[in-house]
Each structure stands twice: as C-alpha cells, then as structure tokens.
C-alpha cells in the first residue's frame, strides 16, 4: 500500500468508529435531555462551508453550520438539515449551540480563534 492508501485507511477507521454523544437538557422532552450523537472526526469536504464562513467573518453562522454538519441521531442520520440554518440563526439560543459544538470538538481540532488568525 502507498502512504496515501495508509492515510486513507487510518481516516476511514476513525470515521467508522463508534458514535459519541452529548446530552442537551434544554432541547429534551419529558424531563429527559436530548442526546446528540456525532463522529469524532469530519472530513475537509464537510468543513469547507465552516472555513469559508469563518474567513468571511460569519463566526455565528460557522458555529451553527458546524452543528448542522455534526449532529446525528443514534442511527447516524443528521438531526438538522441545511434548510434549517436560518431558523437556527434567528431562533435558537446561540450559547447552547456554541456549548454543544465546543463539546463535540476534539482537543486537537482548529477552533474559530485559530481560523481567524490564518
């Protein structure tokens, strides 16, 4: 195998790993918190929108976009759809969105402060 094949195999194994989850009490029902599942990593293709929004100075929109990309149900299906971005931006508590996105971020992932510096 070539180096790129090895790198791809490594990334695929990480993407196909088990889902992690975060509990969000504010969005739950019947006294139970909502469980938002996510994969520990996402690929650059998925992050292109986030990087572009950050570079354009649209930090809030980038954070909301990250939630749309990363939030899954227990079966690995998206909880949110692209068409819900505007509603999320206008009518959902930004502190909850930010908290959830920050909890999903691996420790070695670039954060928005790093992106603004680049």
PDB file of N, CA and C in Angstrom:
ATOM      1  N   UNK A   1       0.838  -1.190   0.000  1.00  0.00           N
ATOM      2  CA  UNK A   1       0.000   0.000   0.000  1.00  0.00           C
ATOM      3  C   UNK A   1       0.882   1.252   0.000  1.00  0.00           C
ATOM      4  N   UNK A   2       0.359   2.287  -0.626  1.00  0.00           N
ATOM      5  CA  UNK A   2       1.079   3.559  -0.639  1.00  0.00           C
ATOM      6  C   UNK A   2       0.792   4.330   0.647  1.00  0.00           C
ATOM      7  N   UNK A   3       1.522   5.391   0.854  1.00  0.00           N
ATOM      8  CA  UNK A   3       1.315   6.222   2.036  1.00  0.00           C
ATOM      9  C   UNK A   3      -0.099   6.797   2.040  1.00  0.00           C
ATOM     10  N   UNK A   4      -0.561   7.278   0.887  1.00  0.00           N
ATOM     11  CA  UNK A   4      -1.908   7.864   0.838  1.00  0.00           C
ATOM     12  C   UNK A   4      -2.961   6.799   1.122  1.00  0.00           C
ATOM     13  N   UNK A   5      -2.740   5.571   0.659  1.00  0.00           N
ATOM     14  CA  UNK A   5      -3.680   4.488   0.967  1.00  0.00           C
ATOM     15  C   UNK A   5      -3.697   4.204   2.464  1.00  0.00           C
ATOM     16  N   UNK A   6      -2.535   4.214   3.086  1.00  0.00           N
ATOM     17  CA  UNK A   6      -2.455   4.005   4.534  1.00  0.00           C
ATOM     18  C   UNK A   6      -3.150   5.131   5.290  1.00  0.00           C
ATOM     19  N   UNK A   7      -2.935   6.361   4.834  1.00  0.00           N
ATOM     20  CA  UNK A   7      -3.564   7.519   5.469  1.00  0.00           C
ATOM     21  C   UNK A   7      -5.087   7.447   5.327  1.00  0.00           C
ATOM     22  N   UNK A   8      -5.552   7.058   4.149  1.00  0.00           N
ATOM     23  CA  UNK A   8      -6.984   6.924   3.917  1.00  0.00           C
ATOM     24  C   UNK A   8      -7.577   5.821   4.794  1.00  0.00           C
ATOM     25  N   UNK A   9      -6.899   4.701   4.893  1.00  0.00           N
ATOM     26  CA  UNK A   9      -7.384   3.593   5.732  1.00  0.00           C
ATOM     27  C   UNK A   9      -7.469   4.024   7.200  1.00  0.00           C
ATOM     28  N   UNK A  10      -6.483   4.776   7.654  1.00  0.00           N
ATOM     29  CA  UNK A  10      -6.487   5.271   9.031  1.00  0.00           C
ATOM     30  C   UNK A  10      -7.695   6.176   9.267  1.00  0.00           C
ATOM     31  N   UNK A  11      -7.937   7.107   8.338  1.00  0.00           N
ATOM     32  CA  UNK A  11      -9.045   8.044   8.488  1.00  0.00           C
ATOM     33  C   UNK A  11     -10.385   7.316   8.432  1.00  0.00           C
ATOM     34  N   UNK A  12     -10.522   6.362   7.513  1.00  0.00           N
ATOM     35  CA  UNK A  12     -11.778   5.591   7.408  1.00  0.00           C
ATOM     36  C   UNK A  12     -12.068   4.845   8.706  1.00  0.00           C
ATOM     37  N   UNK A  13     -11.033   4.278   9.309  1.00  0.00           N
ATOM     38  CA  UNK A  13     -11.261   3.543  10.553  1.00  0.00           C
ATOM     39  C   UNK A  13     -11.729   4.491  11.657  1.00  0.00           C
ATOM     40  N   UNK A  14     -11.218   5.709  11.663  1.00  0.00           N
ATOM     41  CA  UNK A  14     -11.661   6.700  12.651  1.00  0.00           C
ATOM     42  C   UNK A  14     -13.089   7.155  12.379  1.00  0.00           C
ATOM     43  N   UNK A  15     -13.425   7.373  11.101  1.00  0.00           N
ATOM     44  CA  UNK A  15     -14.782   7.796  10.748  1.00  0.00           C
ATOM     45  C   UNK A  15     -15.814   6.712  11.024  1.00  0.00           C
ATOM     46  N   UNK A  16     -15.409   5.465  10.879  1.00  0.00           N
ATOM     47  CA  UNK A  16     -16.338   4.355  11.068  1.00  0.00           C
ATOM     48  C   UNK A  16     -16.413   3.884  12.513  1.00  0.00           C
ATOM     49  N   UNK A  17     -15.706   4.567  13.395  1.00  0.00           N
ATOM     50  CA  UNK A  17     -15.733   4.215  14.808  1.00  0.00           C
ATOM     51  C   UNK A  17     -17.098   4.494  15.420  1.00  0.00           C
ATOM     52  N   UNK A  18     -17.218   4.205  16.681  1.00  0.00           N
ATOM     53  CA  UNK A  18     -18.497   4.378  17.362  1.00  0.00           C
ATOM     54  C   UNK A  18     -18.837   5.859  17.514  1.00  0.00           C
ATOM     55  N   UNK A  19     -20.121   6.115  17.554  1.00  0.00           N
ATOM     56  CA  UNK A  19     -20.604   7.475  17.753  1.00  0.00           C
ATOM     57  C   UNK A  19     -20.446   7.865  19.213  1.00  0.00           C
ATOM     58  N   UNK A  20     -20.122   9.110  19.428  1.00  0.00           N
ATOM     59  CA  UNK A  20     -20.104   9.670  20.767  1.00  0.00           C
ATOM     60  C   UNK A  20     -21.384  10.482  20.923  1.00  0.00           C
ATOM     61  N   UNK A  21     -21.718  10.861  22.144  1.00  0.00           N
ATOM     62  CA  UNK A  21     -22.912  11.692  22.294  1.00  0.00           C
ATOM     63  C   UNK A  21     -22.738  12.734  23.394  1.00  0.00           C
ATOM     64  N   UNK A  22     -23.585  13.744  23.280  1.00  0.00           N
ATOM     65  CA  UNK A  22     -23.668  14.855  24.224  1.00  0.00           C
ATOM     66  C   UNK A  22     -25.135  14.946  24.644  1.00  0.00           C
ATOM     67  N   UNK A  23     -25.359  15.246  25.896  1.00  0.00           N
ATOM     68  CA  UNK A  23     -26.726  15.458  26.362  1.00  0.00           C
ATOM     69  C   UNK A  23     -27.014  16.954  26.419  1.00  0.00           C
ATOM     70  N   UNK A  24     -28.165  17.333  25.872  1.00  0.00           N
ATOM     71  CA  UNK A  24     -28.569  18.741  25.838  1.00  0.00           C
ATOM     72  C   UNK A  24     -29.909  18.871  26.562  1.00  0.00           C
ATOM     73  N   UNK A  25     -29.869  19.225  27.843  1.00  0.00           N
ATOM     74  CA  UNK A  25     -31.108  19.298  28.626  1.00  0.00           C
ATOM     75  C   UNK A  25     -32.134  20.282  28.055  1.00  0.00           C
ATOM     76  N   UNK A  26     -31.662  21.398  27.520  1.00  0.00           N
ATOM     77  CA  UNK A  26     -32.566  22.441  27.013  1.00  0.00           C
ATOM     78  C   UNK A  26     -33.418  21.958  25.839  1.00  0.00           C
ATOM     79  N   UNK A  27     -32.966  20.984  25.115  1.00  0.00           N
ATOM     80  CA  UNK A  27     -33.670  20.546  23.907  1.00  0.00           C
ATOM     81  C   UNK A  27     -34.363  19.207  24.070  1.00  0.00           C
ATOM     82  N   UNK A  28     -34.409  18.687  25.270  1.00  0.00           N
ATOM     83  CA  UNK A  28     -35.025  17.386  25.511  1.00  0.00           C
ATOM     84  C   UNK A  28     -36.532  17.479  25.681  1.00  0.00           C
ATOM     85  N   UNK A  29     -37.114  16.324  25.966  1.00  0.00           N
ATOM     86  CA  UNK A  29     -38.563  16.231  26.178  1.00  0.00           C
ATOM     87  C   UNK A  29     -38.839  15.398  27.417  1.00  0.00           C
ATOM     88  N   UNK A  30     -39.960  15.687  28.071  1.00  0.00           N
ATOM     89  CA  UNK A  30     -40.423  14.909  29.221  1.00  0.00           C
ATOM     90  C   UNK A  30     -39.348  14.766  30.298  1.00  0.00           C
ATOM     91  N   UNK A  31     -38.597  15.825  30.538  1.00  0.00           N
ATOM     92  CA  UNK A  31     -37.574  15.807  31.568  1.00  0.00           C
ATOM     93  C   UNK A  31     -36.301  15.056  31.204  1.00  0.00           C
ATOM     94  N   UNK A  32     -36.231  14.549  29.994  1.00  0.00           N
ATOM     95  CA  UNK A  32     -35.047  13.825  29.523  1.00  0.00           C
ATOM     96  C   UNK A  32     -34.256  14.707  28.559  1.00  0.00           C
ATOM     97  N   UNK A  33     -32.937  14.783  28.718  1.00  0.00           N
ATOM     98  CA  UNK A  33     -32.150  15.599  27.787  1.00  0.00           C
ATOM     99  C   UNK A  33     -32.114  14.960  26.392  1.00  0.00           C
ATOM    100  N   UNK A  34     -31.978  15.788  25.388  1.00  0.00           N
ATOM    101  CA  UNK A  34     -31.771  15.297  24.030  1.00  0.00           C
ATOM    102  C   UNK A  34     -30.351  14.759  23.938  1.00  0.00           C
ATOM    103  N   UNK A  35     -30.185  13.608  23.334  1.00  0.00           N
ATOM    104  CA  UNK A  35     -28.849  13.087  23.078  1.00  0.00           C
ATOM    105  C   UNK A  35     -28.503  13.396  21.633  1.00  0.00           C
ATOM    106  N   UNK A  36     -27.450  14.160  21.447  1.00  0.00           N
ATOM    107  CA  UNK A  36     -26.947  14.448  20.105  1.00  0.00           C
ATOM    108  C   UNK A  36     -25.709  13.588  19.913  1.00  0.00           C
ATOM    109  N   UNK A  37     -25.755  12.778  18.881  1.00  0.00           N
ATOM    110  CA  UNK A  37     -24.636  11.893  18.570  1.00  0.00           C
ATOM    111  C   UNK A  37     -23.765  12.555  17.517  1.00  0.00           C
ATOM    112  N   UNK A  38     -22.516  12.168  17.479  1.00  0.00           N
ATOM    113  CA  UNK A  38     -21.586  12.718  16.495  1.00  0.00           C
ATOM    114  C   UNK A  38     -20.395  11.782  16.343  1.00  0.00           C
ATOM    115  N   UNK A  39     -19.735  11.926  15.197  1.00  0.00           N
ATOM    116  CA  UNK A  39     -18.497  11.194  14.958  1.00  0.00           C
ATOM    117  C   UNK A  39     -17.346  12.051  15.460  1.00  0.00           C
ATOM    118  N   UNK A  40     -16.289  11.411  15.949  1.00  0.00           N
ATOM    119  CA  UNK A  40     -15.184  12.204  16.491  1.00  0.00           C
ATOM    120  C   UNK A  40     -14.480  13.070  15.443  1.00  0.00           C
ATOM    121  N   UNK A  41     -14.578  12.705  14.175  1.00  0.00           N
ATOM    122  CA  UNK A  41     -13.914  13.463  13.109  1.00  0.00           C
ATOM    123  C   UNK A  41     -14.877  13.747  11.967  1.00  0.00           C
ATOM    124  N   UNK A  42     -14.594  14.805  11.225  1.00  0.00           N
ATOM    125  CA  UNK A  42     -15.263  15.074   9.954  1.00  0.00           C
ATOM    126  C   UNK A  42     -14.184  15.384   8.928  1.00  0.00           C
ATOM    127  N   UNK A  43     -14.524  15.210   7.666  1.00  0.00           N
ATOM    128  CA  UNK A  43     -13.509  15.445   6.636  1.00  0.00           C
ATOM    129  C   UNK A  43     -13.486  16.909   6.196  1.00  0.00           C
ATOM    130  N   UNK A  44     -12.437  17.258   5.465  1.00  0.00           N
ATOM    131  CA  UNK A  44     -12.295  18.641   4.998  1.00  0.00           C
ATOM    132  C   UNK A  44     -13.455  19.056   4.096  1.00  0.00           C
ATOM    133  N   UNK A  45     -13.964  18.148   3.310  1.00  0.00           N
ATOM    134  CA  UNK A  45     -15.076  18.478   2.420  1.00  0.00           C
ATOM    135  C   UNK A  45     -16.266  18.998   3.234  1.00  0.00           C
ATOM    136  N   UNK A  46     -16.540  18.325   4.359  1.00  0.00           N
ATOM    137  CA  UNK A  46     -17.644  18.757   5.217  1.00  0.00           C
ATOM    138  C   UNK A  46     -17.344  20.098   5.881  1.00  0.00           C
ATOM    139  N   UNK A  47     -16.084  20.376   6.116  1.00  0.00           N
ATOM    140  CA  UNK A  47     -15.703  21.594   6.821  1.00  0.00           C
ATOM    141  C   UNK A  47     -15.534  22.812   5.909  1.00  0.00           C
ATOM    142  N   UNK A  48     -15.581  22.620   4.586  1.00  0.00           N
ATOM    143  CA  UNK A  48     -15.369  23.750   3.670  1.00  0.00           C
ATOM    144  C   UNK A  48     -16.289  24.927   3.952  1.00  0.00           C
ATOM    145  N   UNK A  49     -17.569  24.648   4.171  1.00  0.00           N
ATOM    146  CA  UNK A  49     -18.523  25.729   4.449  1.00  0.00           C
ATOM    147  C   UNK A  49     -18.151  26.460   5.730  1.00  0.00           C
ATOM    148  N   UNK A  50     -17.757  25.708   6.738  1.00  0.00           N
ATOM    149  CA  UNK A  50     -17.399  26.303   8.020  1.00  0.00           C
ATOM    150  C   UNK A  50     -16.174  27.199   7.861  1.00  0.00           C
ATOM    151  N   UNK A  51     -15.152  26.707   7.171  1.00  0.00           N
ATOM    152  CA  UNK A  51     -13.951  27.508   6.959  1.00  0.00           C
ATOM    153  C   UNK A  51     -14.266  28.779   6.174  1.00  0.00           C
ATOM    154  N   UNK A  52     -15.090  28.656   5.135  1.00  0.00           N
ATOM    155  CA  UNK A  52     -15.439  29.818   4.312  1.00  0.00           C
ATOM    156  C   UNK A  52     -16.212  30.855   5.128  1.00  0.00           C
ATOM    157  N   UNK A  53     -17.155  30.402   5.920  1.00  0.00           N
ATOM    158  CA  UNK A  53     -17.927  31.325   6.751  1.00  0.00           C
ATOM    159  C   UNK A  53     -17.038  32.023   7.774  1.00  0.00           C
ATOM    160  N   UNK A  54     -16.124  31.279   8.360  1.00  0.00           N
ATOM    161  CA  UNK A  54     -15.206  31.859   9.341  1.00  0.00           C
ATOM    162  C   UNK A  54     -14.321  32.907   8.687  1.00  0.00           C
ATOM    163  N   UNK A  55     -13.780  32.589   7.529  1.00  0.00           N
ATOM    164  CA  UNK A  55     -12.923  33.538   6.813  1.00  0.00           C
ATOM    165  C   UNK A  55     -13.690  34.799   6.425  1.00  0.00           C
ATOM    166  N   UNK A  56     -15.005  34.662   6.200  1.00  0.00           N
ATOM    167  CA  UNK A  56     -15.837  35.810   5.845  1.00  0.00           C
ATOM    168  C   UNK A  56     -16.286  36.587   7.083  1.00  0.00           C
ATOM    169  N   UNK A  57     -15.841  36.171   8.267  1.00  0.00           N
ATOM    170  CA  UNK A  57     -16.207  36.866   9.492  1.00  0.00           C
ATOM    171  C   UNK A  57     -17.574  36.494  10.032  1.00  0.00           C
ATOM    172  N   UNK A  58     -18.170  35.437   9.501  1.00  0.00           N
ATOM    173  CA  UNK A  58     -19.505  34.994   9.925  1.00  0.00           C
ATOM    174  C   UNK A  58     -19.355  33.864  10.948  1.00  0.00           C
ATOM    175  N   UNK A  59     -18.830  34.213  12.107  1.00  0.00           N
ATOM    176  CA  UNK A  59     -18.484  33.218  13.124  1.00  0.00           C
ATOM    177  C   UNK A  59     -19.722  32.497  13.645  1.00  0.00           C
ATOM    178  N   UNK A  60     -20.773  33.221  13.948  1.00  0.00           N
ATOM    179  CA  UNK A  60     -22.006  32.591  14.433  1.00  0.00           C
ATOM    180  C   UNK A  60     -22.577  31.611  13.440  1.00  0.00           C
ATOM    181  N   UNK A  61     -22.605  32.010  12.187  1.00  0.00           N
ATOM    182  CA  UNK A  61     -23.112  31.130  11.143  1.00  0.00           C
ATOM    183  C   UNK A  61     -22.215  29.904  10.991  1.00  0.00           C
ATOM    184  N   UNK A  62     -20.912  30.091  11.151  1.00  0.00           N
ATOM    185  CA  UNK A  62     -19.979  28.958  11.075  1.00  0.00           C
ATOM    186  C   UNK A  62     -20.232  27.959  12.203  1.00  0.00           C
ATOM    187  N   UNK A  63     -20.520  28.460  13.388  1.00  0.00           N
ATOM    188  CA  UNK A  63     -20.801  27.575  14.521  1.00  0.00           C
ATOM    189  C   UNK A  63     -22.102  26.809  14.275  1.00  0.00           C
ATOM    190  N   UNK A  64     -23.134  27.513  13.822  1.00  0.00           N
ATOM    191  CA  UNK A  64     -24.405  26.846  13.523  1.00  0.00           C
ATOM    192  C   UNK A  64     -24.237  25.819  12.401  1.00  0.00           C
ATOM    193  N   UNK A  65     -23.452  26.150  11.393  1.00  0.00           N
ATOM    194  CA  UNK A  65     -23.181  25.226  10.290  1.00  0.00           C
ATOM    195  C   UNK A  65     -22.469  23.971  10.805  1.00  0.00           C
ATOM    196  N   UNK A  66     -21.574  24.157  11.746  1.00  0.00           N
ATOM    197  CA  UNK A  66     -20.876  23.017  12.337  1.00  0.00           C
ATOM    198  C   UNK A  66     -21.866  22.077  13.018  1.00  0.00           C
ATOM    199  N   UNK A  67     -22.829  22.640  13.722  1.00  0.00           N
ATOM    200  CA  UNK A  67     -23.846  21.809  14.360  1.00  0.00           C
ATOM    201  C   UNK A  67     -24.648  21.035  13.322  1.00  0.00           C
ATOM    202  N   UNK A  68     -25.024  21.691  12.248  1.00  0.00           N
ATOM    203  CA  UNK A  68     -25.774  21.015  11.187  1.00  0.00           C
ATOM    204  C   UNK A  68     -24.965  19.853  10.616  1.00  0.00           C
ATOM    205  N   UNK A  69     -23.692  20.071  10.406  1.00  0.00           N
ATOM    206  CA  UNK A  69     -22.822  19.033   9.840  1.00  0.00           C
ATOM    207  C   UNK A  69     -22.641  17.863  10.806  1.00  0.00           C
ATOM    208  N   UNK A  70     -22.448  18.156  12.078  1.00  0.00           N
ATOM    209  CA  UNK A  70     -22.006  17.134  13.029  1.00  0.00           C
ATOM    210  C   UNK A  70     -23.119  16.419  13.781  1.00  0.00           C
ATOM    211  N   UNK A  71     -24.251  17.064  14.031  1.00  0.00           N
ATOM    212  CA  UNK A  71     -25.289  16.490  14.892  1.00  0.00           C
ATOM    213  C   UNK A  71     -26.021  15.340  14.200  1.00  0.00           C
ATOM    214  N   UNK A  72     -26.012  14.190  14.867  1.00  0.00           N
ATOM    215  CA  UNK A  72     -26.630  12.981  14.328  1.00  0.00           C
ATOM    216  C   UNK A  72     -27.585  12.382  15.350  1.00  0.00           C
ATOM    217  N   UNK A  73     -28.495  11.521  14.873  1.00  0.00           N
ATOM    218  CA  UNK A  73     -29.299  10.743  15.808  1.00  0.00           C
ATOM    219  C   UNK A  73     -28.544   9.460  16.137  1.00  0.00           C
ATOM    220  N   UNK A  74     -29.132   8.604  16.947  1.00  0.00           N
ATOM    221  CA  UNK A  74     -28.426   7.401  17.383  1.00  0.00           C
ATOM    222  C   UNK A  74     -28.134   6.426  16.243  1.00  0.00           C
ATOM    223  N   UNK A  75     -28.824   6.593  15.113  1.00  0.00           N
ATOM    224  CA  UNK A  75     -28.572   5.743  13.935  1.00  0.00           C
ATOM    225  C   UNK A  75     -27.559   6.360  12.979  1.00  0.00           C
ATOM    226  N   UNK A  76     -27.030   7.536  13.335  1.00  0.00           N
ATOM    227  CA  UNK A  76     -26.041   8.196  12.487  1.00  0.00           C
ATOM    228  C   UNK A  76     -26.640   9.052  11.389  1.00  0.00           C
ATOM    229  N   UNK A  77     -27.924   9.369  11.484  1.00  0.00           N
ATOM    230  CA  UNK A  77     -28.583  10.218  10.487  1.00  0.00           C
ATOM    231  C   UNK A  77     -28.615  11.657  10.998  1.00  0.00           C
ATOM    232  N   UNK A  78     -28.501  12.622  10.091  1.00  0.00           N
ATOM    233  CA  UNK A  78     -28.465  14.032  10.509  1.00  0.00           C
ATOM    234  C   UNK A  78     -29.711  14.451  11.291  1.00  0.00           C
ATOM    235  N   UNK A  79     -29.493  15.214  12.345  1.00  0.00           N
ATOM    236  CA  UNK A  79     -30.607  15.771  13.115  1.00  0.00           C
ATOM    237  C   UNK A  79     -31.139  17.052  12.473  1.00  0.00           C
ATOM    238  N   UNK A  80     -30.262  17.776  11.815  1.00  0.00           N
ATOM    239  CA  UNK A  80     -30.631  19.047  11.207  1.00  0.00           C
ATOM    240  C   UNK A  80     -30.331  19.010   9.723  1.00  0.00           C
ATOM    241  N   UNK A  81     -31.025  19.863   8.992  1.00  0.00           N
ATOM    242  CA  UNK A  81     -30.822  19.960   7.544  1.00  0.00           C
ATOM    243  C   UNK A  81     -30.404  21.381   7.194  1.00  0.00           C
ATOM    244  N   UNK A  82     -29.749  21.529   6.070  1.00  0.00           N
ATOM    245  CA  UNK A  82     -29.228  22.825   5.642  1.00  0.00           C
ATOM    246  C   UNK A  82     -30.305  23.902   5.631  1.00  0.00           C
ATOM    247  N   UNK A  83     -31.523  23.532   5.259  1.00  0.00           N
ATOM    248  CA  UNK A  83     -32.623  24.487   5.206  1.00  0.00           C
ATOM    249  C   UNK A  83     -33.011  25.053   6.562  1.00  0.00           C
ATOM    250  N   UNK A  84     -32.520  24.461   7.640  1.00  0.00           N
ATOM    251  CA  UNK A  84     -32.845  24.921   8.986  1.00  0.00           C
ATOM    252  C   UNK A  84     -31.831  25.930   9.539  1.00  0.00           C
ATOM    253  N   UNK A  85     -30.796  26.230   8.764  1.00  0.00           N
ATOM    254  CA  UNK A  85     -29.752  27.148   9.226  1.00  0.00           C
ATOM    255  C   UNK A  85     -30.323  28.515   9.591  1.00  0.00           C
ATOM    256  N   UNK A  86     -31.154  29.083   8.752  1.00  0.00           N
ATOM    257  CA  UNK A  86     -31.694  30.418   9.008  1.00  0.00           C
ATOM    258  C   UNK A  86     -32.521  30.432  10.294  1.00  0.00           C
ATOM    259  N   UNK A  87     -33.350  29.427  10.489  1.00  0.00           N
ATOM    260  CA  UNK A  87     -34.157  29.336  11.704  1.00  0.00           C
ATOM    261  C   UNK A  87     -33.259  29.182  12.930  1.00  0.00           C
ATOM    262  N   UNK A  88     -32.225  28.376  12.790  1.00  0.00           N
ATOM    263  CA  UNK A  88     -31.276  28.185  13.879  1.00  0.00           C
ATOM    264  C   UNK A  88     -30.585  29.500  14.229  1.00  0.00           C
ATOM    265  N   UNK A  89     -30.222  30.262  13.216  1.00  0.00           N
ATOM    266  CA  UNK A  89     -29.527  31.535  13.422  1.00  0.00           C
ATOM    267  C   UNK A  89     -30.419  32.569  14.112  1.00  0.00           C
ATOM    268  N   UNK A  90     -31.704  32.522  13.852  1.00  0.00           N
ATOM    269  CA  UNK A  90     -32.605  33.538  14.377  1.00  0.00           C
ATOM    270  C   UNK A  90     -33.295  33.158  15.689  1.00  0.00           C
ATOM    271  N   UNK A  91     -33.589  31.861  15.863  1.00  0.00           N
ATOM    272  CA  UNK A  91     -34.499  31.492  16.936  1.00  0.00           C
ATOM    273  C   UNK A  91     -33.980  30.452  17.933  1.00  0.00           C
ATOM    274  N   UNK A  92     -32.706  30.091  17.845  1.00  0.00           N
ATOM    275  CA  UNK A  92     -32.150  29.104  18.775  1.00  0.00           C
ATOM    276  C   UNK A  92     -31.056  29.782  19.598  1.00  0.00           C
ATOM    277  N   UNK A  93     -31.029  29.489  20.881  1.00  0.00           N
ATOM    278  CA  UNK A  93     -30.083  30.102  21.813  1.00  0.00           C
ATOM    279  C   UNK A  93     -28.646  29.843  21.348  1.00  0.00           C
ATOM    280  N   UNK A  94     -27.922  30.897  20.985  1.00  0.00           N
ATOM    281  CA  UNK A  94     -26.561  30.717  20.487  1.00  0.00           C
ATOM    282  C   UNK A  94     -25.609  30.146  21.535  1.00  0.00           C
ATOM    283  N   UNK A  95     -25.881  30.398  22.819  1.00  0.00           N
ATOM    284  CA  UNK A  95     -24.986  29.847  23.838  1.00  0.00           C
ATOM    285  C   UNK A  95     -25.115  28.332  23.922  1.00  0.00           C
ATOM    286  N   UNK A  96     -26.305  27.800  23.676  1.00  0.00           N
ATOM    287  CA  UNK A  96     -26.484  26.346  23.680  1.00  0.00           C
ATOM    288  C   UNK A  96     -25.807  25.746  22.448  1.00  0.00           C
ATOM    289  N   UNK A  97     -26.004  26.357  21.291  1.00  0.00           N
ATOM    290  CA  UNK A  97     -25.356  25.868  20.071  1.00  0.00           C
ATOM    291  C   UNK A  97     -23.841  25.861  20.261  1.00  0.00           C
ATOM    292  N   UNK A  98     -23.297  26.954  20.759  1.00  0.00           N
ATOM    293  CA  UNK A  98     -21.848  27.049  20.958  1.00  0.00           C
ATOM    294  C   UNK A  98     -21.342  25.995  21.930  1.00  0.00           C
ATOM    295  N   UNK A  99     -22.075  25.797  23.021  1.00  0.00           N
ATOM    296  CA  UNK A  99     -21.668  24.793  24.006  1.00  0.00           C
ATOM    297  C   UNK A  99     -21.630  23.394  23.389  1.00  0.00           C
ATOM    298  N   UNK A 100     -22.669  23.058  22.642  1.00  0.00           N
ATOM    299  CA  UNK A 100     -22.741  21.731  22.013  1.00  0.00           C
ATOM    300  C   UNK A 100     -21.601  21.548  21.015  1.00  0.00           C
ATOM    301  N   UNK A 101     -21.374  22.534  20.179  1.00  0.00           N
ATOM    302  CA  UNK A 101     -20.302  22.445  19.178  1.00  0.00           C
ATOM    303  C   UNK A 101     -18.940  22.330  19.859  1.00  0.00           C
ATOM    304  N   UNK A 102     -18.718  23.108  20.905  1.00  0.00           N
ATOM    305  CA  UNK A 102     -17.441  23.022  21.619  1.00  0.00           C
ATOM    306  C   UNK A 102     -17.237  21.657  22.258  1.00  0.00           C
ATOM    307  N   UNK A 103     -18.298  21.062  22.772  1.00  0.00           N
ATOM    308  CA  UNK A 103     -18.180  19.736  23.376  1.00  0.00           C
ATOM    309  C   UNK A 103     -17.890  18.659  22.333  1.00  0.00           C
ATOM    310  N   UNK A 104     -18.319  18.885  21.100  1.00  0.00           N
ATOM    311  CA  UNK A 104     -18.064  17.928  20.019  1.00  0.00           C
ATOM    312  C   UNK A 104     -16.638  18.007  19.493  1.00  0.00           C
ATOM    313  N   UNK A 105     -15.989  19.136  19.670  1.00  0.00           N
ATOM    314  CA  UNK A 105     -14.689  19.377  19.048  1.00  0.00           C
ATOM    315  C   UNK A 105     -13.590  18.566  19.719  1.00  0.00           C
ATOM    316  N   UNK A 106     -12.828  17.821  18.927  1.00  0.00           N
ATOM    317  CA  UNK A 106     -11.666  17.152  19.511  1.00  0.00           C
ATOM    318  C   UNK A 106     -10.673  18.194  20.003  1.00  0.00           C
ATOM    319  N   UNK A 107      -9.883  17.835  20.987  1.00  0.00           N
ATOM    320  CA  UNK A 107      -8.944  18.795  21.568  1.00  0.00           C
ATOM    321  C   UNK A 107      -7.938  19.328  20.563  1.00  0.00           C
ATOM    322  N   UNK A 108      -7.610  18.532  19.548  1.00  0.00           N
ATOM    323  CA  UNK A 108      -6.603  18.966  18.588  1.00  0.00           C
ATOM    324  C   UNK A 108      -7.206  19.637  17.356  1.00  0.00           C
ATOM    325  N   UNK A 109      -8.531  19.856  17.340  1.00  0.00           N
ATOM    326  CA  UNK A 109      -9.186  20.482  16.193  1.00  0.00           C
ATOM    327  C   UNK A 109      -8.961  21.984  16.231  1.00  0.00           C
ATOM    328  N   UNK A 110      -8.857  22.586  15.056  1.00  0.00           N
ATOM    329  CA  UNK A 110      -8.749  24.045  14.978  1.00  0.00           C
ATOM    330  C   UNK A 110     -10.025  24.664  15.522  1.00  0.00           C
ATOM    331  N   UNK A 111      -9.891  25.702  16.313  1.00  0.00           N
ATOM    332  CA  UNK A 111     -11.079  26.405  16.753  1.00  0.00           C
ATOM    333  C   UNK A 111     -11.207  27.703  15.955  1.00  0.00           C
ATOM    334  N   UNK A 112     -12.285  28.427  16.209  1.00  0.00           N
ATOM    335  CA  UNK A 112     -12.543  29.626  15.408  1.00  0.00           C
ATOM    336  C   UNK A 112     -11.465  30.681  15.621  1.00  0.00           C
ATOM    337  N   UNK A 113     -10.844  30.736  16.800  1.00  0.00           N
ATOM    338  CA  UNK A 113      -9.768  31.690  17.014  1.00  0.00           C
ATOM    339  C   UNK A 113      -8.575  31.359  16.137  1.00  0.00           C
ATOM    340  N   UNK A 114      -8.254  30.070  16.009  1.00  0.00           N
ATOM    341  CA  UNK A 114      -7.171  29.658  15.130  1.00  0.00           C
ATOM    342  C   UNK A 114      -7.485  30.019  13.678  1.00  0.00           C
ATOM    343  N   UNK A 115      -8.739  29.825  13.279  1.00  0.00           N
ATOM    344  CA  UNK A 115      -9.106  30.106  11.891  1.00  0.00           C
ATOM    345  C   UNK A 115      -9.014  31.592  11.587  1.00  0.00           C
ATOM    346  N   UNK A 116      -9.385  32.443  12.549  1.00  0.00           N
ATOM    347  CA  UNK A 116      -9.309  33.880  12.314  1.00  0.00           C
ATOM    348  C   UNK A 116      -7.868  34.341  12.132  1.00  0.00           C
ATOM    349  N   UNK A 117      -6.924  33.649  12.740  1.00  0.00           N
ATOM    350  CA  UNK A 117      -5.519  34.033  12.646  1.00  0.00           C
ATOM    351  C   UNK A 117      -4.901  33.619  11.317  1.00  0.00           C
ATOM    352  N   UNK A 118      -5.510  32.646  10.631  1.00  0.00           N
ATOM    353  CA  UNK A 118      -4.896  32.155   9.393  1.00  0.00           C
ATOM    354  C   UNK A 118      -5.229  33.003   8.194  1.00  0.00           C
TER     355      UNK A 118
END
